[in-house]
Amino acid sequence: MKGVAREQLLDLTAYERIRPEFLERTIALKRPRRISVGDRLTFIFENRDTVLFQIQEMLRAERQVKEEKIQDEIAVYNELVPGADELSATLMIEIPEQKQIRSELDRLIGIDEHVILDVGGEAVRATFDPKQFESDRISAVQYVRFPLGSALARKFREPELPAALRVEHPNYRHSTPLTGESRRSLLADLCSD
């Protein structure tokens, strides 16, 4: 999948005019792409459209008009766009109790070795962005990729084959099937350029 190109971005004034519709469309797009695994982990699967929205919103929030800064935002967020035969997601570790954030995150150290996508009896381990990771600490937001490769991507495209997101960390074991609208939305990512 190609990343967001500079010419796809609107200037601040033009974006403000279309923002309500764009926001509504993006919320609808993200709904089936938001997949919870247990009560603590939520994966939001990214594609060019979700990344375009994030870039536009960041430029809006920062009131950014300098070309160099715009190019920087494009470069940073395009890292979230999945490559060929790949899915990518923002993983959010959700801990509602403020006092427990650090202890809960510490319990999940090593999670980068335990996030798996199962497809038709085969599995692929997620790769985590190394720039976000330290061996003794993790942050509550992680960027992950599932490098399916062509054979597993073909299997994912077969709706009769089961698929699931699974976490097998010693302190957190949960699995969520990928079905219905969620599966169809992710399938579209594997079928796009």
N, C-alpha and C. Protein backbone atom coordinates (compact mmCIF):
# COMPACT_ATOMS: atom_id res chain seq x y z
N MET A 1 0.86 -1.18 0.00
CA MET A 1 0.00 0.00 0.00
C MET A 1 0.90 1.24 0.00
N LYS A 2 0.60 2.15 -0.87
CA LYS A 2 1.37 3.39 -0.94
C LYS A 2 1.03 4.28 0.24
N GLY A 3 2.01 5.05 0.69
CA GLY A 3 1.79 6.00 1.77
C GLY A 3 1.07 7.24 1.28
N VAL A 4 0.85 8.15 2.20
CA VAL A 4 0.20 9.42 1.89
C VAL A 4 1.20 10.31 1.14
N ALA A 5 0.75 10.89 0.04
CA ALA A 5 1.59 11.80 -0.75
C ALA A 5 1.25 13.23 -0.38
N ARG A 6 2.21 14.11 -0.53
CA ARG A 6 2.03 15.52 -0.17
C ARG A 6 0.80 16.13 -0.85
N GLU A 7 0.57 15.79 -2.12
CA GLU A 7 -0.54 16.40 -2.85
C GLU A 7 -1.92 15.94 -2.36
N GLN A 8 -1.97 14.93 -1.51
CA GLN A 8 -3.24 14.49 -0.93
C GLN A 8 -3.67 15.36 0.24
N LEU A 9 -2.75 16.12 0.80
CA LEU A 9 -3.06 16.93 1.97
C LEU A 9 -3.70 18.26 1.57
N LEU A 10 -4.68 18.66 2.35
CA LEU A 10 -5.33 19.95 2.14
C LEU A 10 -4.68 21.00 3.02
N ASP A 11 -4.73 22.25 2.56
CA ASP A 11 -4.24 23.32 3.44
C ASP A 11 -5.24 23.48 4.59
N LEU A 12 -4.86 24.22 5.61
CA LEU A 12 -5.68 24.31 6.82
C LEU A 12 -7.09 24.83 6.54
N THR A 13 -7.22 25.83 5.70
CA THR A 13 -8.53 26.40 5.41
C THR A 13 -9.42 25.40 4.69
N ALA A 14 -8.89 24.75 3.67
CA ALA A 14 -9.66 23.75 2.93
C ALA A 14 -10.03 22.58 3.83
N TYR A 15 -9.11 22.17 4.70
CA TYR A 15 -9.41 21.06 5.60
C TYR A 15 -10.52 21.42 6.57
N GLU A 16 -10.52 22.62 7.10
CA GLU A 16 -11.58 23.03 8.03
C GLU A 16 -12.95 22.94 7.36
N ARG A 17 -13.02 23.26 6.08
CA ARG A 17 -14.30 23.21 5.36
C ARG A 17 -14.85 21.79 5.26
N ILE A 18 -13.98 20.81 5.06
CA ILE A 18 -14.47 19.44 4.87
C ILE A 18 -14.32 18.57 6.12
N ARG A 19 -13.74 19.12 7.17
CA ARG A 19 -13.42 18.33 8.35
C ARG A 19 -14.61 17.57 8.94
N PRO A 20 -15.79 18.18 9.11
CA PRO A 20 -16.89 17.41 9.72
C PRO A 20 -17.23 16.13 8.95
N GLU A 21 -17.28 16.20 7.64
CA GLU A 21 -17.57 15.01 6.84
C GLU A 21 -16.41 14.02 6.87
N PHE A 22 -15.19 14.56 6.81
CA PHE A 22 -14.00 13.71 6.83
C PHE A 22 -13.91 12.97 8.17
N LEU A 23 -14.19 13.67 9.25
CA LEU A 23 -14.18 13.08 10.59
C LEU A 23 -15.22 11.97 10.69
N GLU A 24 -16.43 12.24 10.21
CA GLU A 24 -17.49 11.24 10.25
C GLU A 24 -17.12 10.00 9.45
N ARG A 25 -16.56 10.20 8.26
CA ARG A 25 -16.14 9.09 7.41
C ARG A 25 -15.03 8.27 8.07
N THR A 26 -14.08 8.96 8.70
CA THR A 26 -12.96 8.27 9.33
C THR A 26 -13.41 7.48 10.56
N ILE A 27 -14.32 8.03 11.33
CA ILE A 27 -14.86 7.30 12.49
C ILE A 27 -15.54 6.01 12.00
N ALA A 28 -16.32 6.11 10.93
CA ALA A 28 -16.99 4.92 10.38
C ALA A 28 -15.96 3.92 9.87
N LEU A 29 -14.90 4.40 9.23
CA LEU A 29 -13.85 3.53 8.73
C LEU A 29 -13.13 2.80 9.87
N LYS A 30 -12.86 3.52 10.95
CA LYS A 30 -12.10 2.94 12.06
C LYS A 30 -12.91 1.97 12.93
N ARG A 31 -14.22 2.13 12.93
CA ARG A 31 -15.05 1.31 13.83
C ARG A 31 -14.75 -0.19 13.70
N PRO A 32 -14.81 -0.79 12.51
CA PRO A 32 -14.53 -2.23 12.44
C PRO A 32 -13.04 -2.55 12.53
N ARG A 33 -12.20 -1.54 12.45
CA ARG A 33 -10.75 -1.73 12.49
C ARG A 33 -10.21 -1.63 13.92
N ARG A 34 -11.11 -1.36 14.85
CA ARG A 34 -10.76 -1.25 16.28
C ARG A 34 -11.12 -2.59 16.92
N ILE A 35 -10.10 -3.36 17.29
CA ILE A 35 -10.33 -4.72 17.75
C ILE A 35 -9.71 -4.90 19.13
N SER A 36 -10.55 -5.23 20.09
CA SER A 36 -10.08 -5.46 21.46
C SER A 36 -9.68 -6.91 21.62
N VAL A 37 -8.59 -7.11 22.33
CA VAL A 37 -8.13 -8.45 22.69
C VAL A 37 -8.04 -8.44 24.21
N GLY A 38 -9.05 -9.03 24.85
CA GLY A 38 -9.13 -8.94 26.30
C GLY A 38 -9.60 -7.55 26.71
N ASP A 39 -9.40 -7.23 27.98
CA ASP A 39 -9.89 -5.95 28.51
C ASP A 39 -8.84 -4.85 28.54
N ARG A 40 -7.61 -5.14 28.11
CA ARG A 40 -6.54 -4.15 28.20
C ARG A 40 -5.94 -3.73 26.86
N LEU A 41 -6.05 -4.57 25.83
CA LEU A 41 -5.38 -4.29 24.57
C LEU A 41 -6.39 -3.99 23.47
N THR A 42 -6.16 -2.90 22.77
CA THR A 42 -6.97 -2.55 21.61
C THR A 42 -6.04 -2.27 20.44
N PHE A 43 -6.33 -2.93 19.34
CA PHE A 43 -5.59 -2.73 18.10
C PHE A 43 -6.45 -1.89 17.16
N ILE A 44 -5.88 -0.82 16.64
CA ILE A 44 -6.55 -0.02 15.62
C ILE A 44 -5.73 -0.19 14.35
N PHE A 45 -6.29 -0.93 13.39
CA PHE A 45 -5.55 -1.23 12.18
C PHE A 45 -5.52 -0.01 11.27
N GLU A 46 -4.32 0.29 10.79
CA GLU A 46 -4.08 1.50 10.00
C GLU A 46 -4.04 1.18 8.52
N ASN A 47 -4.37 2.19 7.72
CA ASN A 47 -4.18 2.14 6.28
C ASN A 47 -3.95 3.57 5.80
N ARG A 48 -3.87 3.76 4.52
CA ARG A 48 -3.58 5.10 4.00
C ARG A 48 -4.62 6.12 4.45
N ASP A 49 -5.90 5.74 4.47
CA ASP A 49 -6.95 6.68 4.85
C ASP A 49 -6.87 7.07 6.32
N THR A 50 -6.60 6.12 7.21
CA THR A 50 -6.49 6.47 8.63
C THR A 50 -5.27 7.35 8.87
N VAL A 51 -4.19 7.08 8.13
CA VAL A 51 -2.97 7.88 8.27
C VAL A 51 -3.17 9.28 7.71
N LEU A 52 -3.86 9.39 6.59
CA LEU A 52 -4.16 10.71 6.03
C LEU A 52 -4.92 11.55 7.05
N PHE A 53 -5.90 10.94 7.70
CA PHE A 53 -6.66 11.65 8.73
C PHE A 53 -5.75 12.10 9.86
N GLN A 54 -4.87 11.21 10.33
CA GLN A 54 -3.98 11.56 11.44
C GLN A 54 -3.05 12.72 11.06
N ILE A 55 -2.54 12.70 9.85
CA ILE A 55 -1.66 13.79 9.42
C ILE A 55 -2.44 15.10 9.37
N GLN A 56 -3.62 15.08 8.74
CA GLN A 56 -4.43 16.31 8.66
C GLN A 56 -4.76 16.85 10.04
N GLU A 57 -5.10 15.96 10.96
CA GLU A 57 -5.44 16.40 12.32
C GLU A 57 -4.22 16.97 13.05
N MET A 58 -3.05 16.36 12.85
CA MET A 58 -1.85 16.86 13.50
C MET A 58 -1.48 18.24 12.96
N LEU A 59 -1.55 18.40 11.65
CA LEU A 59 -1.25 19.71 11.06
C LEU A 59 -2.25 20.75 11.55
N ARG A 60 -3.51 20.36 11.68
CA ARG A 60 -4.54 21.27 12.19
C ARG A 60 -4.25 21.66 13.63
N ALA A 61 -3.96 20.67 14.47
CA ALA A 61 -3.72 20.94 15.89
C ALA A 61 -2.52 21.86 16.09
N GLU A 62 -1.49 21.65 15.27
CA GLU A 62 -0.27 22.45 15.41
C GLU A 62 -0.31 23.72 14.56
N ARG A 63 -1.41 23.90 13.79
CA ARG A 63 -1.54 25.05 12.88
C ARG A 63 -0.31 25.14 11.99
N GLN A 64 0.11 23.99 11.50
CA GLN A 64 1.37 23.89 10.76
C GLN A 64 1.19 24.24 9.28
N VAL A 65 2.03 25.17 8.79
CA VAL A 65 2.00 25.55 7.37
C VAL A 65 3.39 25.50 6.74
N LYS A 66 4.41 25.28 7.55
CA LYS A 66 5.78 25.22 7.01
C LYS A 66 5.98 23.89 6.28
N GLU A 67 6.46 23.98 5.05
CA GLU A 67 6.59 22.79 4.21
C GLU A 67 7.49 21.74 4.85
N GLU A 68 8.57 22.15 5.47
CA GLU A 68 9.48 21.19 6.10
C GLU A 68 8.78 20.39 7.20
N LYS A 69 7.99 21.06 8.00
CA LYS A 69 7.26 20.39 9.09
C LYS A 69 6.17 19.47 8.53
N ILE A 70 5.54 19.90 7.46
CA ILE A 70 4.52 19.06 6.83
C ILE A 70 5.17 17.78 6.31
N GLN A 71 6.31 17.91 5.66
CA GLN A 71 7.03 16.74 5.15
C GLN A 71 7.45 15.82 6.30
N ASP A 72 7.85 16.40 7.44
CA ASP A 72 8.22 15.60 8.61
C ASP A 72 7.03 14.78 9.10
N GLU A 73 5.85 15.40 9.18
CA GLU A 73 4.65 14.68 9.63
C GLU A 73 4.30 13.54 8.67
N ILE A 74 4.42 13.81 7.38
CA ILE A 74 4.14 12.77 6.38
C ILE A 74 5.08 11.59 6.60
N ALA A 75 6.36 11.88 6.78
CA ALA A 75 7.35 10.81 6.95
C ALA A 75 7.06 9.99 8.20
N VAL A 76 6.76 10.67 9.30
CA VAL A 76 6.51 9.97 10.57
C VAL A 76 5.27 9.08 10.46
N TYR A 77 4.17 9.63 9.98
CA TYR A 77 2.93 8.87 9.96
C TYR A 77 2.89 7.82 8.85
N ASN A 78 3.62 8.04 7.77
CA ASN A 78 3.64 7.03 6.71
C ASN A 78 4.28 5.72 7.19
N GLU A 79 5.02 5.77 8.28
CA GLU A 79 5.56 4.53 8.85
C GLU A 79 4.46 3.60 9.33
N LEU A 80 3.25 4.13 9.52
CA LEU A 80 2.12 3.31 9.98
C LEU A 80 1.39 2.62 8.84
N VAL A 81 1.63 3.05 7.60
CA VAL A 81 0.95 2.46 6.46
C VAL A 81 1.52 1.06 6.22
N PRO A 82 0.65 0.05 6.11
CA PRO A 82 1.18 -1.30 5.89
C PRO A 82 1.82 -1.46 4.52
N GLY A 83 2.83 -2.31 4.46
CA GLY A 83 3.47 -2.64 3.20
C GLY A 83 2.72 -3.76 2.50
N ALA A 84 3.30 -4.26 1.44
CA ALA A 84 2.70 -5.36 0.69
C ALA A 84 2.57 -6.60 1.57
N ASP A 85 1.43 -7.28 1.49
CA ASP A 85 1.19 -8.51 2.25
C ASP A 85 1.44 -8.33 3.75
N GLU A 86 0.98 -7.19 4.27
CA GLU A 86 1.24 -6.84 5.66
C GLU A 86 0.02 -6.09 6.21
N LEU A 87 -0.21 -6.25 7.50
CA LEU A 87 -1.18 -5.44 8.22
C LEU A 87 -0.41 -4.67 9.28
N SER A 88 -0.86 -3.46 9.58
CA SER A 88 -0.21 -2.71 10.65
C SER A 88 -1.27 -2.09 11.55
N ALA A 89 -0.90 -1.89 12.80
CA ALA A 89 -1.87 -1.39 13.77
C ALA A 89 -1.19 -0.53 14.83
N THR A 90 -1.99 0.34 15.40
CA THR A 90 -1.60 1.03 16.61
C THR A 90 -2.17 0.20 17.75
N LEU A 91 -1.32 -0.24 18.64
CA LEU A 91 -1.73 -1.04 19.80
C LEU A 91 -1.79 -0.13 21.00
N MET A 92 -2.96 -0.07 21.62
CA MET A 92 -3.12 0.75 22.81
C MET A 92 -3.35 -0.16 24.01
N ILE A 93 -2.53 0.04 25.03
CA ILE A 93 -2.70 -0.68 26.29
C ILE A 93 -3.53 0.24 27.16
N GLU A 94 -4.76 -0.18 27.43
CA GLU A 94 -5.72 0.68 28.11
C GLU A 94 -5.82 0.30 29.58
N ILE A 95 -5.42 1.24 30.42
CA ILE A 95 -5.44 1.03 31.87
C ILE A 95 -6.19 2.20 32.48
N PRO A 96 -7.47 2.00 32.80
CA PRO A 96 -8.28 3.13 33.26
C PRO A 96 -7.90 3.66 34.65
N GLU A 97 -7.33 2.81 35.49
CA GLU A 97 -6.99 3.23 36.85
C GLU A 97 -5.62 3.93 36.84
N GLN A 98 -5.61 5.22 37.02
CA GLN A 98 -4.39 6.04 36.95
C GLN A 98 -3.27 5.48 37.85
N LYS A 99 -3.62 5.04 39.05
CA LYS A 99 -2.62 4.56 40.00
C LYS A 99 -1.96 3.27 39.55
N GLN A 100 -2.59 2.54 38.64
CA GLN A 100 -2.08 1.24 38.24
C GLN A 100 -1.33 1.24 36.90
N ILE A 101 -1.22 2.39 36.28
CA ILE A 101 -0.63 2.43 34.94
C ILE A 101 0.78 1.83 34.92
N ARG A 102 1.67 2.33 35.75
CA ARG A 102 3.06 1.85 35.71
C ARG A 102 3.13 0.37 36.07
N SER A 103 2.44 -0.07 37.10
CA SER A 103 2.53 -1.49 37.49
C SER A 103 1.94 -2.40 36.41
N GLU A 104 0.85 -1.98 35.78
CA GLU A 104 0.26 -2.79 34.71
C GLU A 104 1.17 -2.84 33.49
N LEU A 105 1.76 -1.71 33.13
CA LEU A 105 2.70 -1.71 32.00
C LEU A 105 3.91 -2.59 32.31
N ASP A 106 4.40 -2.52 33.53
CA ASP A 106 5.53 -3.36 33.91
C ASP A 106 5.18 -4.85 33.81
N ARG A 107 3.95 -5.20 34.13
CA ARG A 107 3.51 -6.61 34.02
C ARG A 107 3.54 -7.09 32.58
N LEU A 108 3.44 -6.16 31.62
CA LEU A 108 3.38 -6.53 30.21
C LEU A 108 4.71 -6.39 29.48
N ILE A 109 5.78 -6.14 30.22
CA ILE A 109 7.10 -6.09 29.57
C ILE A 109 7.33 -7.43 28.88
N GLY A 110 7.82 -7.37 27.67
CA GLY A 110 8.03 -8.58 26.89
C GLY A 110 6.87 -8.91 25.97
N ILE A 111 5.84 -8.07 25.97
CA ILE A 111 4.67 -8.36 25.14
C ILE A 111 5.04 -8.41 23.66
N ASP A 112 6.12 -7.75 23.29
CA ASP A 112 6.54 -7.74 21.88
C ASP A 112 6.87 -9.14 21.36
N GLU A 113 7.03 -10.10 22.23
CA GLU A 113 7.29 -11.48 21.81
C GLU A 113 6.03 -12.34 21.79
N HIS A 114 4.88 -11.74 22.14
CA HIS A 114 3.70 -12.56 22.39
C HIS A 114 2.42 -12.13 21.69
N VAL A 115 2.52 -11.30 20.67
CA VAL A 115 1.34 -10.88 19.91
C VAL A 115 1.36 -11.60 18.57
N ILE A 116 0.28 -12.31 18.27
CA ILE A 116 0.27 -13.24 17.14
C ILE A 116 -1.02 -13.07 16.34
N LEU A 117 -0.90 -13.21 15.04
CA LEU A 117 -2.06 -13.27 14.16
C LEU A 117 -2.12 -14.69 13.61
N ASP A 118 -3.22 -15.38 13.91
CA ASP A 118 -3.44 -16.74 13.42
C ASP A 118 -4.33 -16.68 12.19
N VAL A 119 -3.96 -17.43 11.16
CA VAL A 119 -4.75 -17.51 9.93
C VAL A 119 -4.74 -18.95 9.43
N GLY A 120 -5.90 -19.59 9.46
CA GLY A 120 -6.03 -20.92 8.89
C GLY A 120 -5.01 -21.93 9.39
N GLY A 121 -4.73 -21.92 10.67
CA GLY A 121 -3.80 -22.89 11.25
C GLY A 121 -2.34 -22.47 11.21
N GLU A 122 -2.03 -21.33 10.63
CA GLU A 122 -0.67 -20.80 10.63
C GLU A 122 -0.66 -19.51 11.45
N ALA A 123 0.52 -19.09 11.86
CA ALA A 123 0.63 -17.91 12.70
C ALA A 123 1.80 -17.04 12.28
N VAL A 124 1.65 -15.75 12.52
CA VAL A 124 2.74 -14.80 12.32
C VAL A 124 2.81 -13.91 13.56
N ARG A 125 4.02 -13.75 14.05
CA ARG A 125 4.24 -12.91 15.23
C ARG A 125 4.34 -11.45 14.80
N ALA A 126 3.75 -10.57 15.58
CA ALA A 126 3.83 -9.14 15.30
C ALA A 126 5.25 -8.64 15.49
N THR A 127 5.62 -7.66 14.69
CA THR A 127 6.89 -6.96 14.92
C THR A 127 6.54 -5.59 15.48
N PHE A 128 7.27 -5.20 16.50
CA PHE A 128 7.03 -3.93 17.18
C PHE A 128 8.07 -2.92 16.71
N ASP A 129 7.68 -1.66 16.71
CA ASP A 129 8.59 -0.59 16.33
C ASP A 129 9.70 -0.47 17.38
N PRO A 130 10.95 -0.75 17.00
CA PRO A 130 12.03 -0.74 17.99
C PRO A 130 12.31 0.64 18.58
N LYS A 131 11.88 1.70 17.90
CA LYS A 131 12.10 3.05 18.42
C LYS A 131 11.23 3.33 19.64
N GLN A 132 10.23 2.51 19.87
CA GLN A 132 9.32 2.73 20.98
C GLN A 132 9.60 1.82 22.16
N PHE A 133 10.57 0.98 22.03
CA PHE A 133 10.74 -0.09 23.00
C PHE A 133 12.04 0.00 23.76
N GLU A 134 11.99 -0.29 25.04
CA GLU A 134 13.16 -0.48 25.87
C GLU A 134 13.00 -1.83 26.54
N SER A 135 14.10 -2.46 26.91
CA SER A 135 14.00 -3.80 27.47
C SER A 135 13.30 -3.84 28.83
N ASP A 136 13.32 -2.73 29.56
CA ASP A 136 12.75 -2.74 30.91
C ASP A 136 11.53 -1.82 31.07
N ARG A 137 11.04 -1.27 29.96
CA ARG A 137 9.87 -0.38 30.02
C ARG A 137 9.12 -0.46 28.70
N ILE A 138 7.82 -0.30 28.80
CA ILE A 138 7.04 -0.17 27.57
C ILE A 138 6.11 1.03 27.71
N SER A 139 5.70 1.56 26.58
CA SER A 139 4.73 2.65 26.61
C SER A 139 3.35 2.08 26.33
N ALA A 140 2.34 2.87 26.63
CA ALA A 140 0.95 2.42 26.48
C ALA A 140 0.49 2.43 25.03
N VAL A 141 1.28 3.01 24.14
CA VAL A 141 0.95 3.01 22.71
C VAL A 141 2.13 2.42 21.96
N GLN A 142 1.84 1.42 21.14
CA GLN A 142 2.87 0.74 20.36
C GLN A 142 2.42 0.65 18.90
N TYR A 143 3.36 0.64 17.99
CA TYR A 143 3.06 0.43 16.57
C TYR A 143 3.56 -0.95 16.20
N VAL A 144 2.65 -1.75 15.64
CA VAL A 144 2.97 -3.14 15.33
C VAL A 144 2.64 -3.46 13.87
N ARG A 145 3.36 -4.44 13.34
CA ARG A 145 3.13 -4.92 11.99
C ARG A 145 2.99 -6.44 12.03
N PHE A 146 2.16 -6.93 11.13
CA PHE A 146 2.02 -8.37 10.95
C PHE A 146 2.48 -8.68 9.53
N PRO A 147 3.75 -9.09 9.38
CA PRO A 147 4.29 -9.38 8.04
C PRO A 147 3.82 -10.76 7.56
N LEU A 148 2.67 -10.78 6.91
CA LEU A 148 2.05 -12.04 6.51
C LEU A 148 2.84 -12.78 5.44
N GLY A 149 3.41 -12.05 4.51
CA GLY A 149 4.01 -12.71 3.36
C GLY A 149 2.91 -13.13 2.40
N SER A 150 3.28 -13.48 1.19
CA SER A 150 2.26 -13.73 0.16
C SER A 150 1.39 -14.95 0.46
N ALA A 151 1.96 -16.04 0.96
CA ALA A 151 1.17 -17.25 1.21
C ALA A 151 0.13 -17.03 2.31
N LEU A 152 0.53 -16.44 3.42
CA LEU A 152 -0.41 -16.21 4.51
C LEU A 152 -1.42 -15.12 4.15
N ALA A 153 -1.01 -14.12 3.37
CA ALA A 153 -1.95 -13.09 2.91
C ALA A 153 -3.02 -13.74 2.03
N ARG A 154 -2.63 -14.69 1.19
CA ARG A 154 -3.62 -15.41 0.37
C ARG A 154 -4.61 -16.15 1.26
N LYS A 155 -4.11 -16.78 2.31
CA LYS A 155 -4.99 -17.49 3.24
C LYS A 155 -5.96 -16.52 3.92
N PHE A 156 -5.44 -15.36 4.31
CA PHE A 156 -6.29 -14.36 4.98
C PHE A 156 -7.44 -13.93 4.06
N ARG A 157 -7.18 -13.93 2.76
CA ARG A 157 -8.20 -13.52 1.78
C ARG A 157 -9.30 -14.57 1.62
N GLU A 158 -9.12 -15.76 2.18
CA GLU A 158 -10.12 -16.82 2.09
C GLU A 158 -11.01 -16.74 3.33
N PRO A 159 -12.22 -16.20 3.19
CA PRO A 159 -13.07 -15.94 4.36
C PRO A 159 -13.46 -17.18 5.15
N GLU A 160 -13.41 -18.36 4.51
CA GLU A 160 -13.79 -19.58 5.25
C GLU A 160 -12.69 -20.04 6.21
N LEU A 161 -11.46 -19.52 6.03
CA LEU A 161 -10.38 -19.87 6.95
C LEU A 161 -10.43 -18.95 8.16
N PRO A 162 -10.41 -19.51 9.36
CA PRO A 162 -10.49 -18.66 10.55
C PRO A 162 -9.24 -17.82 10.74
N ALA A 163 -9.44 -16.64 11.30
CA ALA A 163 -8.33 -15.75 11.65
C ALA A 163 -8.61 -15.16 13.03
N ALA A 164 -7.55 -14.94 13.79
CA ALA A 164 -7.71 -14.39 15.14
C ALA A 164 -6.46 -13.63 15.56
N LEU A 165 -6.66 -12.63 16.39
CA LEU A 165 -5.56 -11.95 17.06
C LEU A 165 -5.40 -12.62 18.41
N ARG A 166 -4.16 -12.96 18.76
CA ARG A 166 -3.93 -13.71 19.99
C ARG A 166 -2.75 -13.09 20.73
N VAL A 167 -2.87 -13.02 22.05
CA VAL A 167 -1.78 -12.57 22.91
C VAL A 167 -1.50 -13.70 23.89
N GLU A 168 -0.23 -14.14 23.93
CA GLU A 168 0.16 -15.27 24.77
C GLU A 168 1.23 -14.87 25.78
N HIS A 169 1.13 -13.67 26.31
CA HIS A 169 2.07 -13.19 27.32
C HIS A 169 1.79 -13.94 28.64
N PRO A 170 2.81 -14.25 29.42
CA PRO A 170 2.56 -14.97 30.68
C PRO A 170 1.55 -14.28 31.60
N ASN A 171 1.47 -12.95 31.53
CA ASN A 171 0.54 -12.20 32.39
C ASN A 171 -0.72 -11.74 31.67
N TYR A 172 -0.88 -12.15 30.41
CA TYR A 172 -2.04 -11.68 29.64
C TYR A 172 -2.27 -12.62 28.47
N ARG A 173 -3.33 -13.42 28.57
CA ARG A 173 -3.64 -14.41 27.53
C ARG A 173 -5.08 -14.22 27.08
N HIS A 174 -5.21 -13.75 25.85
CA HIS A 174 -6.53 -13.54 25.28
C HIS A 174 -6.45 -13.72 23.77
N SER A 175 -7.61 -13.99 23.17
CA SER A 175 -7.70 -14.15 21.72
C SER A 175 -9.03 -13.57 21.25
N THR A 176 -9.03 -12.97 20.08
CA THR A 176 -10.25 -12.42 19.48
C THR A 176 -10.32 -12.84 18.02
N PRO A 177 -11.40 -13.50 17.60
CA PRO A 177 -11.53 -13.87 16.19
C PRO A 177 -11.72 -12.62 15.33
N LEU A 178 -11.18 -12.68 14.12
CA LEU A 178 -11.36 -11.61 13.14
C LEU A 178 -12.43 -12.08 12.16
N THR A 179 -13.60 -11.50 12.28
CA THR A 179 -14.75 -11.94 11.49
C THR A 179 -15.50 -10.74 10.94
N GLY A 180 -16.49 -11.02 10.12
CA GLY A 180 -17.44 -10.02 9.66
C GLY A 180 -16.81 -8.78 9.06
N GLU A 181 -17.35 -7.63 9.46
CA GLU A 181 -16.92 -6.35 8.91
C GLU A 181 -15.44 -6.07 9.22
N SER A 182 -14.97 -6.50 10.38
CA SER A 182 -13.55 -6.30 10.72
C SER A 182 -12.66 -7.05 9.73
N ARG A 183 -12.97 -8.28 9.49
CA ARG A 183 -12.16 -9.07 8.55
C ARG A 183 -12.21 -8.48 7.15
N ARG A 184 -13.41 -8.07 6.71
CA ARG A 184 -13.55 -7.48 5.37
C ARG A 184 -12.74 -6.19 5.25
N SER A 185 -12.73 -5.38 6.30
CA SER A 185 -11.98 -4.13 6.26
C SER A 185 -10.48 -4.38 6.15
N LEU A 186 -9.98 -5.36 6.90
CA LEU A 186 -8.55 -5.68 6.84
C LEU A 186 -8.21 -6.36 5.52
N LEU A 187 -9.12 -7.13 5.00
CA LEU A 187 -8.92 -7.78 3.70
C LEU A 187 -8.70 -6.72 2.61
N ALA A 188 -9.43 -5.62 2.71
CA ALA A 188 -9.28 -4.55 1.73
C ALA A 188 -7.85 -4.01 1.74
N ASP A 189 -7.21 -3.97 2.90
CA ASP A 189 -5.82 -3.50 2.98
C ASP A 189 -4.88 -4.42 2.21
N LEU A 190 -5.14 -5.71 2.29
CA LEU A 190 -4.27 -6.68 1.60
C LEU A 190 -4.52 -6.70 0.10
N CYS A 191 -5.64 -6.14 -0.32
CA CYS A 191 -5.96 -6.15 -1.75
C CYS A 191 -5.66 -4.81 -2.42
N SER A 192 -5.18 -3.82 -1.66
CA SER A 192 -4.93 -2.50 -2.26
C SER A 192 -3.46 -2.38 -2.64
N ASP A 193 -3.19 -1.33 -3.43
CA ASP A 193 -1.83 -1.11 -3.92
C ASP A 193 -0.87 -0.70 -2.84
